[in-house]
Amino acid sequence: GDWPKAVTTTPAEIMRLDGAGQLAAGGPADFIVFKGRGFTELLSRPESDRIVVRDGRAIERDLPDYSELDDLMGE
């Protein structure tokens, strides 16, 4: 159905981010792969096993220790 547009192209269009929220040949390959097959499955579990793809490559899946985030959080 059209439900993926609710979290992809529709918000991008509302924010006037031309071309964002969609995959296209030659465009950036930034997306997240979830096991949930629909909104109800996606929202009913934490989906911690998701795969985040940035510039066409899966990013590191191991979470950093909280202390490594201190400088980012201004502490």
PDB file of N, CA and C in Angstrom:
ATOM      1  N   GLY A   1       0.803  -1.184   0.000  1.00  0.00           N
ATOM      2  CA  GLY A   1       0.000   0.000   0.000  1.00  0.00           C
ATOM      3  C   GLY A   1       0.854   1.259   0.000  1.00  0.00           C
ATOM      4  N   ASP A   2       0.201   2.336   0.312  1.00  0.00           N
ATOM      5  CA  ASP A   2       0.863   3.644   0.321  1.00  0.00           C
ATOM      6  C   ASP A   2       1.431   4.024   1.683  1.00  0.00           C
ATOM      7  N   TRP A   3       1.312   3.144   2.698  1.00  0.00           N
ATOM      8  CA  TRP A   3       1.730   3.536   4.046  1.00  0.00           C
ATOM      9  C   TRP A   3       3.189   3.945   4.157  1.00  0.00           C
ATOM     10  N   PRO A   4       4.149   3.404   3.373  1.00  0.00           N
ATOM     11  CA  PRO A   4       5.534   3.879   3.524  1.00  0.00           C
ATOM     12  C   PRO A   4       5.699   5.371   3.251  1.00  0.00           C
ATOM     13  N   LYS A   5       4.821   5.933   2.428  1.00  0.00           N
ATOM     14  CA  LYS A   5       4.908   7.364   2.150  1.00  0.00           C
ATOM     15  C   LYS A   5       4.725   8.211   3.410  1.00  0.00           C
ATOM     16  N   ALA A   6       4.041   7.662   4.408  1.00  0.00           N
ATOM     17  CA  ALA A   6       3.789   8.398   5.655  1.00  0.00           C
ATOM     18  C   ALA A   6       5.086   8.723   6.400  1.00  0.00           C
ATOM     19  N   VAL A   7       6.139   7.957   6.147  1.00  0.00           N
ATOM     20  CA  VAL A   7       7.410   8.202   6.835  1.00  0.00           C
ATOM     21  C   VAL A   7       8.552   8.455   5.853  1.00  0.00           C
ATOM     22  N   THR A   8       8.228   8.674   4.582  1.00  0.00           N
ATOM     23  CA  THR A   8       9.268   8.904   3.580  1.00  0.00           C
ATOM     24  C   THR A   8       8.995  10.177   2.792  1.00  0.00           C
ATOM     25  N   THR A   9       8.329  10.023   1.663  1.00  0.00           N
ATOM     26  CA  THR A   9       8.148  11.164   0.764  1.00  0.00           C
ATOM     27  C   THR A   9       7.191  12.227   1.288  1.00  0.00           C
ATOM     28  N   THR A  10       6.136  11.839   2.007  1.00  0.00           N
ATOM     29  CA  THR A  10       5.175  12.837   2.497  1.00  0.00           C
ATOM     30  C   THR A  10       5.828  13.829   3.464  1.00  0.00           C
ATOM     31  N   PRO A  11       6.549  13.388   4.516  1.00  0.00           N
ATOM     32  CA  PRO A  11       7.213  14.368   5.382  1.00  0.00           C
ATOM     33  C   PRO A  11       8.246  15.202   4.625  1.00  0.00           C
ATOM     34  N   ALA A  12       8.967  14.587   3.686  1.00  0.00           N
ATOM     35  CA  ALA A  12       9.954  15.334   2.908  1.00  0.00           C
ATOM     36  C   ALA A  12       9.285  16.428   2.085  1.00  0.00           C
ATOM     37  N   GLU A  13       8.148  16.114   1.479  1.00  0.00           N
ATOM     38  CA  GLU A  13       7.418  17.109   0.691  1.00  0.00           C
ATOM     39  C   GLU A  13       6.908  18.245   1.583  1.00  0.00           C
ATOM     40  N   ILE A  14       6.392  17.897   2.765  1.00  0.00           N
ATOM     41  CA  ILE A  14       5.884  18.915   3.694  1.00  0.00           C
ATOM     42  C   ILE A  14       7.007  19.871   4.113  1.00  0.00           C
ATOM     43  N   MET A  15       8.219  19.318   4.315  1.00  0.00           N
ATOM     44  CA  MET A  15       9.377  20.134   4.726  1.00  0.00           C
ATOM     45  C   MET A  15      10.103  20.755   3.541  1.00  0.00           C
ATOM     46  N   ARG A  16       9.541  20.530   2.334  1.00  0.00           N
ATOM     47  CA  ARG A  16      10.117  21.067   1.096  1.00  0.00           C
ATOM     48  C   ARG A  16      11.568  20.606   0.879  1.00  0.00           C
ATOM     49  N   LEU A  17      11.801  19.332   1.157  1.00  0.00           N
ATOM     50  CA  LEU A  17      13.115  18.722   0.932  1.00  0.00           C
ATOM     51  C   LEU A  17      13.048  17.926  -0.366  1.00  0.00           C
ATOM     52  N   ASP A  18      13.252  18.604  -1.463  1.00  0.00           N
ATOM     53  CA  ASP A  18      13.118  17.993  -2.789  1.00  0.00           C
ATOM     54  C   ASP A  18      14.004  16.755  -2.917  1.00  0.00           C
ATOM     55  N   GLY A  19      13.412  15.652  -3.328  1.00  0.00           N
ATOM     56  CA  GLY A  19      14.148  14.426  -3.559  1.00  0.00           C
ATOM     57  C   GLY A  19      14.429  13.600  -2.322  1.00  0.00           C
ATOM     58  N   ALA A  20      14.169  14.128  -1.146  1.00  0.00           N
ATOM     59  CA  ALA A  20      14.423  13.370   0.083  1.00  0.00           C
ATOM     60  C   ALA A  20      13.296  12.364   0.302  1.00  0.00           C
ATOM     61  N   GLY A  21      13.609  11.297   1.017  1.00  0.00           N
ATOM     62  CA  GLY A  21      12.589  10.317   1.347  1.00  0.00           C
ATOM     63  C   GLY A  21      12.288   9.315   0.259  1.00  0.00           C
ATOM     64  N   GLN A  22      13.165   9.245  -0.746  1.00  0.00           N
ATOM     65  CA  GLN A  22      12.939   8.281  -1.807  1.00  0.00           C
ATOM     66  C   GLN A  22      14.273   7.758  -2.327  1.00  0.00           C
ATOM     67  N   LEU A  23      14.243   6.531  -2.815  1.00  0.00           N
ATOM     68  CA  LEU A  23      15.428   5.944  -3.420  1.00  0.00           C
ATOM     69  C   LEU A  23      15.339   6.127  -4.925  1.00  0.00           C
ATOM     70  N   ALA A  24      16.446   6.558  -5.518  1.00  0.00           N
ATOM     71  CA  ALA A  24      16.474   6.775  -6.957  1.00  0.00           C
ATOM     72  C   ALA A  24      17.870   6.474  -7.485  1.00  0.00           C
ATOM     73  N   ALA A  25      17.948   6.033  -8.711  1.00  0.00           N
ATOM     74  CA  ALA A  25      19.240   5.760  -9.335  1.00  0.00           C
ATOM     75  C   ALA A  25      20.116   7.004  -9.279  1.00  0.00           C
ATOM     76  N   GLY A  26      21.328   6.840  -8.772  1.00  0.00           N
ATOM     77  CA  GLY A  26      22.263   7.950  -8.670  1.00  0.00           C
ATOM     78  C   GLY A  26      22.084   8.806  -7.429  1.00  0.00           C
ATOM     79  N   GLY A  27      21.013   8.575  -6.679  1.00  0.00           N
ATOM     80  CA  GLY A  27      20.763   9.339  -5.457  1.00  0.00           C
ATOM     81  C   GLY A  27      21.422   8.685  -4.257  1.00  0.00           C
ATOM     82  N   PRO A  28      21.376   9.357  -3.108  1.00  0.00           N
ATOM     83  CA  PRO A  28      21.961   8.764  -1.905  1.00  0.00           C
ATOM     84  C   PRO A  28      21.169   7.539  -1.461  1.00  0.00           C
ATOM     85  N   ALA A  29      21.872   6.525  -1.022  1.00  0.00           N
ATOM     86  CA  ALA A  29      21.207   5.296  -0.559  1.00  0.00           C
ATOM     87  C   ALA A  29      21.196   5.315   0.969  1.00  0.00           C
ATOM     88  N   ASP A  30      20.287   6.073   1.540  1.00  0.00           N
ATOM     89  CA  ASP A  30      20.134   6.181   2.985  1.00  0.00           C
ATOM     90  C   ASP A  30      18.751   5.647   3.336  1.00  0.00           C
ATOM     91  N   PHE A  31      18.710   4.535   4.074  1.00  0.00           N
ATOM     92  CA  PHE A  31      17.427   3.948   4.437  1.00  0.00           C
ATOM     93  C   PHE A  31      17.605   2.992   5.607  1.00  0.00           C
ATOM     94  N   ILE A  32      16.498   2.524   6.154  1.00  0.00           N
ATOM     95  CA  ILE A  32      16.503   1.588   7.277  1.00  0.00           C
ATOM     96  C   ILE A  32      15.667   0.377   6.890  1.00  0.00           C
ATOM     97  N   VAL A  33      16.193  -0.800   7.169  1.00  0.00           N
ATOM     98  CA  VAL A  33      15.487  -2.047   6.878  1.00  0.00           C
ATOM     99  C   VAL A  33      14.962  -2.615   8.192  1.00  0.00           C
ATOM    100  N   PHE A  34      13.658  -2.844   8.261  1.00  0.00           N
ATOM    101  CA  PHE A  34      13.004  -3.408   9.439  1.00  0.00           C
ATOM    102  C   PHE A  34      12.421  -4.768   9.096  1.00  0.00           C
ATOM    103  N   LYS A  35      12.255  -5.624  10.107  1.00  0.00           N
ATOM    104  CA  LYS A  35      11.607  -6.909   9.893  1.00  0.00           C
ATOM    105  C   LYS A  35      10.087  -6.767   9.869  1.00  0.00           C
ATOM    106  N   GLY A  36       9.550  -5.753  10.536  1.00  0.00           N
ATOM    107  CA  GLY A  36       8.106  -5.552  10.569  1.00  0.00           C
ATOM    108  C   GLY A  36       7.549  -5.427   9.160  1.00  0.00           C
ATOM    109  N   ARG A  37       6.452  -6.127   8.909  1.00  0.00           N
ATOM    110  CA  ARG A  37       5.873  -6.135   7.555  1.00  0.00           C
ATOM    111  C   ARG A  37       4.819  -5.063   7.353  1.00  0.00           C
ATOM    112  N   GLY A  38       4.490  -4.341   8.371  1.00  0.00           N
ATOM    113  CA  GLY A  38       3.496  -3.275   8.292  1.00  0.00           C
ATOM    114  C   GLY A  38       3.617  -2.397   9.527  1.00  0.00           C
ATOM    115  N   PHE A  39       2.822  -1.319   9.581  1.00  0.00           N
ATOM    116  CA  PHE A  39       2.891  -0.407  10.725  1.00  0.00           C
ATOM    117  C   PHE A  39       2.687  -1.113  12.050  1.00  0.00           C
ATOM    118  N   THR A  40       1.711  -1.998  12.141  1.00  0.00           N
ATOM    119  CA  THR A  40       1.432  -2.642  13.428  1.00  0.00           C
ATOM    120  C   THR A  40       2.615  -3.472  13.903  1.00  0.00           C
ATOM    121  N   GLU A  41       3.241  -4.219  13.019  1.00  0.00           N
ATOM    122  CA  GLU A  41       4.408  -4.995  13.418  1.00  0.00           C
ATOM    123  C   GLU A  41       5.597  -4.089  13.692  1.00  0.00           C
ATOM    124  N   LEU A  42       5.763  -3.057  12.905  1.00  0.00           N
ATOM    125  CA  LEU A  42       6.876  -2.132  13.092  1.00  0.00           C
ATOM    126  C   LEU A  42       6.802  -1.434  14.444  1.00  0.00           C
ATOM    127  N   LEU A  43       5.611  -1.016  14.831  1.00  0.00           N
ATOM    128  CA  LEU A  43       5.441  -0.264  16.069  1.00  0.00           C
ATOM    129  C   LEU A  43       5.229  -1.136  17.303  1.00  0.00           C
ATOM    130  N   SER A  44       5.011  -2.436  17.137  1.00  0.00           N
ATOM    131  CA  SER A  44       4.734  -3.289  18.286  1.00  0.00           C
ATOM    132  C   SER A  44       5.988  -3.854  18.931  1.00  0.00           C
ATOM    133  N   ARG A  45       7.125  -3.702  18.303  1.00  0.00           N
ATOM    134  CA  ARG A  45       8.397  -4.206  18.837  1.00  0.00           C
ATOM    135  C   ARG A  45       9.464  -3.132  18.704  1.00  0.00           C
ATOM    136  N   PRO A  46      10.545  -3.261  19.474  1.00  0.00           N
ATOM    137  CA  PRO A  46      11.584  -2.231  19.418  1.00  0.00           C
ATOM    138  C   PRO A  46      12.386  -2.210  18.113  1.00  0.00           C
ATOM    139  N   GLU A  47      12.320  -3.273  17.302  1.00  0.00           N
ATOM    140  CA  GLU A  47      13.048  -3.344  16.034  1.00  0.00           C
ATOM    141  C   GLU A  47      14.540  -3.040  16.216  1.00  0.00           C
ATOM    142  N   SER A  48      15.110  -3.529  17.311  1.00  0.00           N
ATOM    143  CA  SER A  48      16.532  -3.278  17.581  1.00  0.00           C
ATOM    144  C   SER A  48      17.448  -4.014  16.617  1.00  0.00           C
ATOM    145  N   ASP A  49      16.911  -4.945  15.848  1.00  0.00           N
ATOM    146  CA  ASP A  49      17.717  -5.662  14.869  1.00  0.00           C
ATOM    147  C   ASP A  49      17.665  -5.007  13.486  1.00  0.00           C
ATOM    148  N   ARG A  50      17.210  -3.772  13.440  1.00  0.00           N
ATOM    149  CA  ARG A  50      17.107  -3.055  12.168  1.00  0.00           C
ATOM    150  C   ARG A  50      18.492  -2.889  11.539  1.00  0.00           C
ATOM    151  N   ILE A  51      18.505  -2.645  10.258  1.00  0.00           N
ATOM    152  CA  ILE A  51      19.753  -2.386   9.534  1.00  0.00           C
ATOM    153  C   ILE A  51      19.662  -0.966   8.986  1.00  0.00           C
ATOM    154  N   VAL A  52      20.615  -0.129   9.366  1.00  0.00           N
ATOM    155  CA  VAL A  52      20.659   1.254   8.894  1.00  0.00           C
ATOM    156  C   VAL A  52      21.708   1.335   7.786  1.00  0.00           C
ATOM    157  N   VAL A  53      21.280   1.802   6.620  1.00  0.00           N
ATOM    158  CA  VAL A  53      22.170   1.927   5.471  1.00  0.00           C
ATOM    159  C   VAL A  53      22.410   3.408   5.218  1.00  0.00           C
ATOM    160  N   ARG A  54      23.671   3.779   5.160  1.00  0.00           N
ATOM    161  CA  ARG A  54      24.064   5.175   4.930  1.00  0.00           C
ATOM    162  C   ARG A  54      25.028   5.189   3.761  1.00  0.00           C
ATOM    163  N   ASP A  55      24.745   5.974   2.753  1.00  0.00           N
ATOM    164  CA  ASP A  55      25.576   6.032   1.542  1.00  0.00           C
ATOM    165  C   ASP A  55      25.793   4.642   0.943  1.00  0.00           C
ATOM    166  N   GLY A  56      24.759   3.808   0.994  1.00  0.00           N
ATOM    167  CA  GLY A  56      24.816   2.503   0.369  1.00  0.00           C
ATOM    168  C   GLY A  56      25.479   1.411   1.183  1.00  0.00           C
ATOM    169  N   ARG A  57      25.896   1.704   2.415  1.00  0.00           N
ATOM    170  CA  ARG A  57      26.562   0.702   3.246  1.00  0.00           C
ATOM    171  C   ARG A  57      25.909   0.622   4.614  1.00  0.00           C
ATOM    172  N   ALA A  58      25.770  -0.604   5.115  1.00  0.00           N
ATOM    173  CA  ALA A  58      25.221  -0.799   6.460  1.00  0.00           C
ATOM    174  C   ALA A  58      26.201  -0.213   7.476  1.00  0.00           C
ATOM    175  N   ILE A  59      25.676   0.561   8.439  1.00  0.00           N
ATOM    176  CA  ILE A  59      26.550   1.158   9.446  1.00  0.00           C
ATOM    177  C   ILE A  59      26.787   0.160  10.579  1.00  0.00           C
ATOM    178  N   GLU A  60      27.733   0.461  11.442  1.00  0.00           N
ATOM    179  CA  GLU A  60      28.064  -0.376  12.593  1.00  0.00           C
ATOM    180  C   GLU A  60      26.827  -0.581  13.446  1.00  0.00           C
ATOM    181  N   ARG A  61      26.581  -1.814  13.856  1.00  0.00           N
ATOM    182  CA  ARG A  61      25.370  -2.120  14.615  1.00  0.00           C
ATOM    183  C   ARG A  61      25.595  -2.135  16.115  1.00  0.00           C
ATOM    184  N   ASP A  62      26.853  -2.186  16.553  1.00  0.00           N
ATOM    185  CA  ASP A  62      27.122  -2.202  17.990  1.00  0.00           C
ATOM    186  C   ASP A  62      26.910  -0.805  18.566  1.00  0.00           C
ATOM    187  N   LEU A  63      26.130  -0.728  19.623  1.00  0.00           N
ATOM    188  CA  LEU A  63      25.873   0.561  20.254  1.00  0.00           C
ATOM    189  C   LEU A  63      27.074   0.991  21.076  1.00  0.00           C
ATOM    190  N   PRO A  64      27.394   2.291  21.070  1.00  0.00           N
ATOM    191  CA  PRO A  64      28.521   2.770  21.873  1.00  0.00           C
ATOM    192  C   PRO A  64      28.159   2.760  23.357  1.00  0.00           C
ATOM    193  N   ASP A  65      29.167   2.728  24.189  1.00  0.00           N
ATOM    194  CA  ASP A  65      28.961   2.861  25.621  1.00  0.00           C
ATOM    195  C   ASP A  65      28.442   4.276  25.896  1.00  0.00           C
ATOM    196  N   TYR A  66      27.604   4.419  26.896  1.00  0.00           N
ATOM    197  CA  TYR A  66      27.053   5.746  27.210  1.00  0.00           C
ATOM    198  C   TYR A  66      28.152   6.783  27.425  1.00  0.00           C
ATOM    199  N   SER A  67      29.272   6.404  28.037  1.00  0.00           N
ATOM    200  CA  SER A  67      30.349   7.364  28.308  1.00  0.00           C
ATOM    201  C   SER A  67      30.931   7.935  27.014  1.00  0.00           C
ATOM    202  N   GLU A  68      30.849   7.170  25.913  1.00  0.00           N
ATOM    203  CA  GLU A  68      31.356   7.663  24.634  1.00  0.00           C
ATOM    204  C   GLU A  68      30.481   8.777  24.067  1.00  0.00           C
ATOM    205  N   LEU A  69      29.271   8.901  24.565  1.00  0.00           N
ATOM    206  CA  LEU A  69      28.331   9.900  24.076  1.00  0.00           C
ATOM    207  C   LEU A  69      28.368  11.202  24.874  1.00  0.00           C
ATOM    208  N   ASP A  70      29.136  11.233  25.959  1.00  0.00           N
ATOM    209  CA  ASP A  70      29.161  12.411  26.823  1.00  0.00           C
ATOM    210  C   ASP A  70      29.495  13.696  26.069  1.00  0.00           C
ATOM    211  N   ASP A  71      30.515  13.668  25.230  1.00  0.00           N
ATOM    212  CA  ASP A  71      30.910  14.878  24.493  1.00  0.00           C
ATOM    213  C   ASP A  71      29.822  15.316  23.517  1.00  0.00           C
ATOM    214  N   LEU A  72      29.087  14.377  22.977  1.00  0.00           N
ATOM    215  CA  LEU A  72      28.022  14.698  22.033  1.00  0.00           C
ATOM    216  C   LEU A  72      26.815  15.323  22.732  1.00  0.00           C
ATOM    217  N   MET A  73      26.619  14.964  23.978  1.00  0.00           N
ATOM    218  CA  MET A  73      25.453  15.426  24.729  1.00  0.00           C
ATOM    219  C   MET A  73      25.763  16.681  25.556  1.00  0.00           C
ATOM    220  N   GLY A  74      26.988  17.164  25.481  1.00  0.00           N
ATOM    221  CA  GLY A  74      27.344  18.391  26.187  1.00  0.00           C
ATOM    222  C   GLY A  74      27.539  18.186  27.687  1.00  0.00           C
ATOM    223  N   GLU A  75      27.870  16.985  28.079  1.00  0.00           N
ATOM    224  CA  GLU A  75      28.089  16.720  29.515  1.00  0.00           C
ATOM    225  C   GLU A  75      29.553  16.740  29.839  1.00  0.00           C
TER     226      GLU A  75
END
